[in-house]
């Protein structure tokens, strides 16, 4: 029987593995459709991890809480840049911002 901490570890593993797989798909695959799907999934994952971090962090750690929300905002900014951009350069910048948001968000939520 799994208790609540076991479920938390399972959720963390699922988020970490899906994040790494989606990052690999977004950065290494040549197919543009798969890159877009991975980008949108990672954007939602970045916002979700930011929300999870905000729920897990006690209010006595305002710096870590602000960092978590800031990484979620970075993910939203990357989504806006992707949707509003017409050039390939801005699309690459949006993908890099999303990758940074997800990696730092997972590290912030799970390690710090």
N, C-alpha and C. Protein backbone atom coordinates (compact mmCIF):
# COMPACT_ATOMS: atom_id res chain seq x y z
N UNK A 1 0.84 -1.18 0.00
CA UNK A 1 0.00 0.00 0.00
C UNK A 1 0.88 1.24 0.00
N UNK A 2 0.57 2.17 -0.83
CA UNK A 2 1.35 3.40 -0.94
C UNK A 2 0.75 4.48 -0.06
N UNK A 3 1.63 5.14 0.70
CA UNK A 3 1.15 6.27 1.48
C UNK A 3 1.41 7.57 0.71
N UNK A 4 1.13 8.71 1.33
CA UNK A 4 1.18 9.98 0.61
C UNK A 4 2.58 10.34 0.13
N UNK A 5 3.62 10.02 0.90
CA UNK A 5 4.98 10.33 0.45
C UNK A 5 5.40 9.46 -0.73
N UNK A 6 4.93 8.23 -0.76
CA UNK A 6 5.21 7.37 -1.92
C UNK A 6 4.57 7.94 -3.18
N UNK A 7 3.33 8.42 -3.05
CA UNK A 7 2.66 9.02 -4.20
C UNK A 7 3.36 10.28 -4.66
N UNK A 8 3.90 11.04 -3.71
CA UNK A 8 4.64 12.25 -4.05
C UNK A 8 5.90 11.90 -4.85
N UNK A 9 6.60 10.86 -4.45
CA UNK A 9 7.78 10.42 -5.20
C UNK A 9 7.39 9.95 -6.59
N UNK A 10 6.29 9.23 -6.70
CA UNK A 10 5.83 8.75 -8.01
C UNK A 10 5.50 9.95 -8.91
N UNK A 11 4.81 10.95 -8.38
CA UNK A 11 4.48 12.14 -9.17
C UNK A 11 5.74 12.88 -9.60
N UNK A 12 6.70 13.02 -8.69
CA UNK A 12 7.96 13.69 -9.03
C UNK A 12 8.68 12.94 -10.15
N UNK A 13 8.71 11.61 -10.06
CA UNK A 13 9.37 10.83 -11.11
C UNK A 13 8.66 10.98 -12.45
N UNK A 14 7.35 10.97 -12.44
CA UNK A 14 6.60 11.12 -13.68
C UNK A 14 6.86 12.49 -14.30
N UNK A 15 6.83 13.53 -13.49
CA UNK A 15 7.08 14.89 -14.00
C UNK A 15 8.50 15.00 -14.53
N UNK A 16 9.47 14.46 -13.82
CA UNK A 16 10.86 14.54 -14.26
C UNK A 16 11.11 13.78 -15.56
N UNK A 17 10.59 12.57 -15.65
CA UNK A 17 10.81 11.76 -16.85
C UNK A 17 10.09 12.35 -18.05
N UNK A 18 8.84 12.78 -17.88
CA UNK A 18 8.13 13.38 -19.02
C UNK A 18 8.77 14.70 -19.44
N UNK A 19 9.28 15.44 -18.48
CA UNK A 19 9.98 16.68 -18.83
C UNK A 19 11.23 16.43 -19.64
N UNK A 20 12.02 15.45 -19.21
CA UNK A 20 13.25 15.13 -19.95
C UNK A 20 12.95 14.56 -21.33
N UNK A 21 11.95 13.71 -21.44
CA UNK A 21 11.59 13.17 -22.75
C UNK A 21 11.08 14.27 -23.69
N UNK A 22 10.26 15.15 -23.17
CA UNK A 22 9.74 16.24 -24.00
C UNK A 22 10.85 17.20 -24.41
N UNK A 23 11.79 17.46 -23.50
CA UNK A 23 12.94 18.30 -23.86
C UNK A 23 13.74 17.65 -24.97
N UNK A 24 13.95 16.36 -24.87
CA UNK A 24 14.67 15.65 -25.93
C UNK A 24 13.94 15.73 -27.25
N UNK A 25 12.62 15.55 -27.22
CA UNK A 25 11.85 15.65 -28.45
C UNK A 25 11.89 17.06 -29.02
N UNK A 26 11.79 18.06 -28.16
CA UNK A 26 11.76 19.43 -28.65
C UNK A 26 13.10 19.86 -29.23
N UNK A 27 14.20 19.42 -28.64
CA UNK A 27 15.51 19.90 -29.05
C UNK A 27 16.21 19.02 -30.08
N UNK A 28 15.89 17.74 -30.14
CA UNK A 28 16.65 16.83 -30.99
C UNK A 28 15.93 16.33 -32.23
N UNK A 29 14.61 16.37 -32.25
CA UNK A 29 13.84 15.83 -33.37
C UNK A 29 13.76 16.88 -34.48
N UNK A 30 13.79 16.43 -35.72
CA UNK A 30 13.74 17.34 -36.88
C UNK A 30 12.32 17.71 -37.29
N UNK A 31 11.34 16.86 -36.94
CA UNK A 31 9.96 17.10 -37.35
C UNK A 31 9.39 18.31 -36.60
N UNK A 32 8.91 19.29 -37.34
CA UNK A 32 8.44 20.54 -36.75
C UNK A 32 7.15 20.35 -35.96
N UNK A 33 6.29 19.44 -36.38
CA UNK A 33 5.05 19.19 -35.65
C UNK A 33 5.33 18.62 -34.27
N UNK A 34 6.26 17.69 -34.18
CA UNK A 34 6.62 17.11 -32.89
C UNK A 34 7.27 18.16 -32.00
N UNK A 35 8.06 19.03 -32.60
CA UNK A 35 8.68 20.11 -31.83
C UNK A 35 7.62 21.04 -31.23
N UNK A 36 6.59 21.37 -32.02
CA UNK A 36 5.53 22.25 -31.51
C UNK A 36 4.73 21.58 -30.40
N UNK A 37 4.40 20.31 -30.59
CA UNK A 37 3.65 19.59 -29.55
C UNK A 37 4.47 19.51 -28.28
N UNK A 38 5.75 19.22 -28.41
CA UNK A 38 6.63 19.16 -27.23
C UNK A 38 6.75 20.53 -26.58
N UNK A 39 6.83 21.57 -27.37
CA UNK A 39 6.92 22.92 -26.82
C UNK A 39 5.69 23.26 -26.00
N UNK A 40 4.50 23.03 -26.55
CA UNK A 40 3.28 23.35 -25.83
C UNK A 40 3.13 22.49 -24.57
N UNK A 41 3.51 21.22 -24.66
CA UNK A 41 3.46 20.36 -23.48
C UNK A 41 4.42 20.86 -22.41
N UNK A 42 5.62 21.24 -22.81
CA UNK A 42 6.60 21.75 -21.84
C UNK A 42 6.17 23.09 -21.25
N UNK A 43 5.49 23.91 -22.01
CA UNK A 43 4.99 25.17 -21.48
C UNK A 43 3.95 24.90 -20.39
N UNK A 44 3.04 23.99 -20.65
CA UNK A 44 2.03 23.63 -19.64
C UNK A 44 2.71 22.97 -18.44
N UNK A 45 3.70 22.13 -18.69
CA UNK A 45 4.42 21.48 -17.60
C UNK A 45 5.17 22.50 -16.75
N UNK A 46 5.75 23.50 -17.38
CA UNK A 46 6.44 24.55 -16.64
C UNK A 46 5.50 25.33 -15.74
N UNK A 47 4.32 25.64 -16.25
CA UNK A 47 3.33 26.35 -15.42
C UNK A 47 2.81 25.45 -14.30
N UNK A 48 2.64 24.17 -14.59
CA UNK A 48 2.16 23.23 -13.57
C UNK A 48 3.20 23.05 -12.47
N UNK A 49 4.46 22.91 -12.85
CA UNK A 49 5.51 22.78 -11.84
C UNK A 49 5.62 24.04 -11.00
N UNK A 50 5.41 25.19 -11.62
CA UNK A 50 5.42 26.45 -10.88
C UNK A 50 4.28 26.47 -9.86
N UNK A 51 3.11 26.03 -10.26
CA UNK A 51 1.98 25.97 -9.35
C UNK A 51 2.23 24.98 -8.22
N UNK A 52 2.80 23.80 -8.57
CA UNK A 52 3.12 22.80 -7.54
C UNK A 52 4.14 23.36 -6.55
N UNK A 53 5.12 24.08 -7.06
CA UNK A 53 6.12 24.68 -6.20
C UNK A 53 5.49 25.71 -5.26
N UNK A 54 4.55 26.49 -5.78
CA UNK A 54 3.89 27.49 -4.94
C UNK A 54 3.05 26.83 -3.85
N UNK A 55 2.46 25.70 -4.14
CA UNK A 55 1.67 24.99 -3.15
C UNK A 55 2.53 24.29 -2.11
N UNK A 56 3.73 23.84 -2.51
CA UNK A 56 4.61 23.10 -1.59
C UNK A 56 5.45 24.01 -0.71
N UNK A 57 5.76 25.20 -1.17
CA UNK A 57 6.68 26.08 -0.45
C UNK A 57 5.95 26.80 0.68
N UNK A 58 6.52 26.76 1.89
CA UNK A 58 5.89 27.52 2.97
C UNK A 58 6.02 29.03 2.75
N UNK A 59 5.13 29.76 3.36
CA UNK A 59 5.13 31.21 3.15
C UNK A 59 6.32 31.90 3.81
N UNK A 60 7.06 31.17 4.63
CA UNK A 60 8.23 31.78 5.28
C UNK A 60 9.46 31.79 4.36
N UNK A 61 9.32 31.28 3.14
CA UNK A 61 10.41 31.31 2.15
C UNK A 61 9.96 32.15 0.95
N UNK A 62 9.90 33.46 1.08
CA UNK A 62 9.38 34.28 -0.02
C UNK A 62 10.28 34.29 -1.25
N UNK A 63 11.59 34.14 -1.07
CA UNK A 63 12.49 34.13 -2.23
C UNK A 63 12.27 32.93 -3.12
N UNK A 64 12.15 31.76 -2.50
CA UNK A 64 11.91 30.54 -3.28
C UNK A 64 10.53 30.56 -3.92
N UNK A 65 9.57 31.13 -3.22
CA UNK A 65 8.22 31.25 -3.76
C UNK A 65 8.21 32.18 -4.97
N UNK A 66 8.91 33.30 -4.87
CA UNK A 66 8.99 34.24 -5.99
C UNK A 66 9.73 33.63 -7.18
N UNK A 67 10.77 32.84 -6.89
CA UNK A 67 11.50 32.16 -7.97
C UNK A 67 10.59 31.19 -8.70
N UNK A 68 9.79 30.45 -7.96
CA UNK A 68 8.86 29.51 -8.58
C UNK A 68 7.85 30.19 -9.47
N UNK A 69 7.23 31.27 -8.97
CA UNK A 69 6.27 32.00 -9.79
C UNK A 69 6.95 32.68 -10.97
N UNK A 70 8.18 33.14 -10.77
CA UNK A 70 8.92 33.76 -11.87
C UNK A 70 9.22 32.78 -13.00
N UNK A 71 9.52 31.54 -12.64
CA UNK A 71 9.76 30.53 -13.67
C UNK A 71 8.47 30.18 -14.41
N UNK A 72 7.35 30.21 -13.72
CA UNK A 72 6.07 30.02 -14.40
C UNK A 72 5.77 31.17 -15.35
N UNK A 73 6.10 32.40 -14.92
CA UNK A 73 5.92 33.56 -15.79
C UNK A 73 6.84 33.48 -17.00
N UNK A 74 8.04 32.95 -16.81
CA UNK A 74 8.97 32.77 -17.93
C UNK A 74 8.39 31.79 -18.95
N UNK A 75 7.74 30.76 -18.47
CA UNK A 75 7.09 29.81 -19.37
C UNK A 75 5.95 30.47 -20.15
N UNK A 76 5.18 31.32 -19.47
CA UNK A 76 4.10 32.03 -20.16
C UNK A 76 4.65 33.03 -21.18
N UNK A 77 5.75 33.68 -20.84
CA UNK A 77 6.37 34.62 -21.78
C UNK A 77 6.88 33.89 -23.02
N UNK A 78 7.42 32.70 -22.81
CA UNK A 78 7.88 31.90 -23.95
C UNK A 78 6.71 31.50 -24.84
N UNK A 79 5.59 31.17 -24.23
CA UNK A 79 4.40 30.83 -25.01
C UNK A 79 3.91 32.02 -25.83
N UNK A 80 3.89 33.20 -25.22
CA UNK A 80 3.49 34.40 -25.97
C UNK A 80 4.46 34.72 -27.10
N UNK A 81 5.74 34.53 -26.83
CA UNK A 81 6.74 34.78 -27.87
C UNK A 81 6.58 33.81 -29.04
N UNK A 82 6.28 32.57 -28.73
CA UNK A 82 6.07 31.56 -29.79
C UNK A 82 4.83 31.88 -30.62
N UNK A 83 3.76 32.24 -29.95
CA UNK A 83 2.51 32.49 -30.66
C UNK A 83 2.59 33.76 -31.50
N UNK A 84 3.24 34.79 -30.98
CA UNK A 84 3.28 36.08 -31.67
C UNK A 84 4.43 36.22 -32.65
N UNK A 85 5.39 35.32 -32.62
CA UNK A 85 6.58 35.49 -33.47
C UNK A 85 6.33 34.94 -34.86
N UNK A 86 7.02 35.52 -35.79
CA UNK A 86 6.97 35.06 -37.17
C UNK A 86 8.32 34.51 -37.64
N UNK A 87 9.38 34.79 -36.90
CA UNK A 87 10.71 34.39 -37.35
C UNK A 87 11.18 33.13 -36.62
N UNK A 88 12.09 32.44 -37.25
CA UNK A 88 12.66 31.23 -36.68
C UNK A 88 13.53 31.54 -35.47
N UNK A 89 14.18 32.69 -35.47
CA UNK A 89 15.05 33.07 -34.36
C UNK A 89 14.26 33.24 -33.06
N UNK A 90 13.12 33.90 -33.15
CA UNK A 90 12.29 34.09 -31.96
C UNK A 90 11.69 32.77 -31.49
N UNK A 91 11.41 31.88 -32.42
CA UNK A 91 10.91 30.56 -32.05
C UNK A 91 11.96 29.79 -31.27
N UNK A 92 13.20 29.87 -31.70
CA UNK A 92 14.28 29.20 -30.97
C UNK A 92 14.48 29.80 -29.59
N UNK A 93 14.36 31.13 -29.50
CA UNK A 93 14.48 31.78 -28.20
C UNK A 93 13.35 31.33 -27.28
N UNK A 94 12.14 31.20 -27.81
CA UNK A 94 11.00 30.74 -27.01
C UNK A 94 11.23 29.31 -26.52
N UNK A 95 11.79 28.47 -27.37
CA UNK A 95 12.06 27.08 -26.96
C UNK A 95 13.14 27.02 -25.89
N UNK A 96 14.14 27.86 -26.01
CA UNK A 96 15.20 27.90 -24.99
C UNK A 96 14.63 28.41 -23.66
N UNK A 97 13.78 29.43 -23.71
CA UNK A 97 13.17 29.94 -22.49
C UNK A 97 12.30 28.88 -21.82
N UNK A 98 11.58 28.12 -22.61
CA UNK A 98 10.75 27.05 -22.05
C UNK A 98 11.61 25.98 -21.42
N UNK A 99 12.70 25.62 -22.09
CA UNK A 99 13.59 24.60 -21.53
C UNK A 99 14.19 25.07 -20.20
N UNK A 100 14.60 26.33 -20.15
CA UNK A 100 15.15 26.88 -18.90
C UNK A 100 14.09 26.88 -17.82
N UNK A 101 12.88 27.27 -18.16
CA UNK A 101 11.80 27.32 -17.19
C UNK A 101 11.50 25.94 -16.61
N UNK A 102 11.44 24.93 -17.46
CA UNK A 102 11.11 23.59 -16.98
C UNK A 102 12.24 23.00 -16.15
N UNK A 103 13.47 23.12 -16.62
CA UNK A 103 14.60 22.52 -15.90
C UNK A 103 14.78 23.21 -14.54
N UNK A 104 14.77 24.52 -14.51
CA UNK A 104 14.94 25.23 -13.24
C UNK A 104 13.72 25.06 -12.34
N UNK A 105 12.53 24.98 -12.92
CA UNK A 105 11.33 24.76 -12.12
C UNK A 105 11.33 23.41 -11.44
N UNK A 106 11.73 22.37 -12.18
CA UNK A 106 11.81 21.04 -11.58
C UNK A 106 12.90 21.00 -10.52
N UNK A 107 14.02 21.62 -10.80
CA UNK A 107 15.10 21.66 -9.81
C UNK A 107 14.66 22.44 -8.57
N UNK A 108 13.97 23.54 -8.75
CA UNK A 108 13.51 24.35 -7.63
C UNK A 108 12.48 23.59 -6.79
N UNK A 109 11.58 22.89 -7.44
CA UNK A 109 10.53 22.18 -6.71
C UNK A 109 11.05 20.93 -6.02
N UNK A 110 11.99 20.24 -6.64
CA UNK A 110 12.38 18.92 -6.12
C UNK A 110 13.65 18.97 -5.29
N UNK A 111 14.57 19.86 -5.60
CA UNK A 111 15.87 19.85 -4.93
C UNK A 111 15.93 20.89 -3.83
N UNK A 112 15.52 22.11 -4.10
CA UNK A 112 15.69 23.20 -3.14
C UNK A 112 14.52 23.29 -2.18
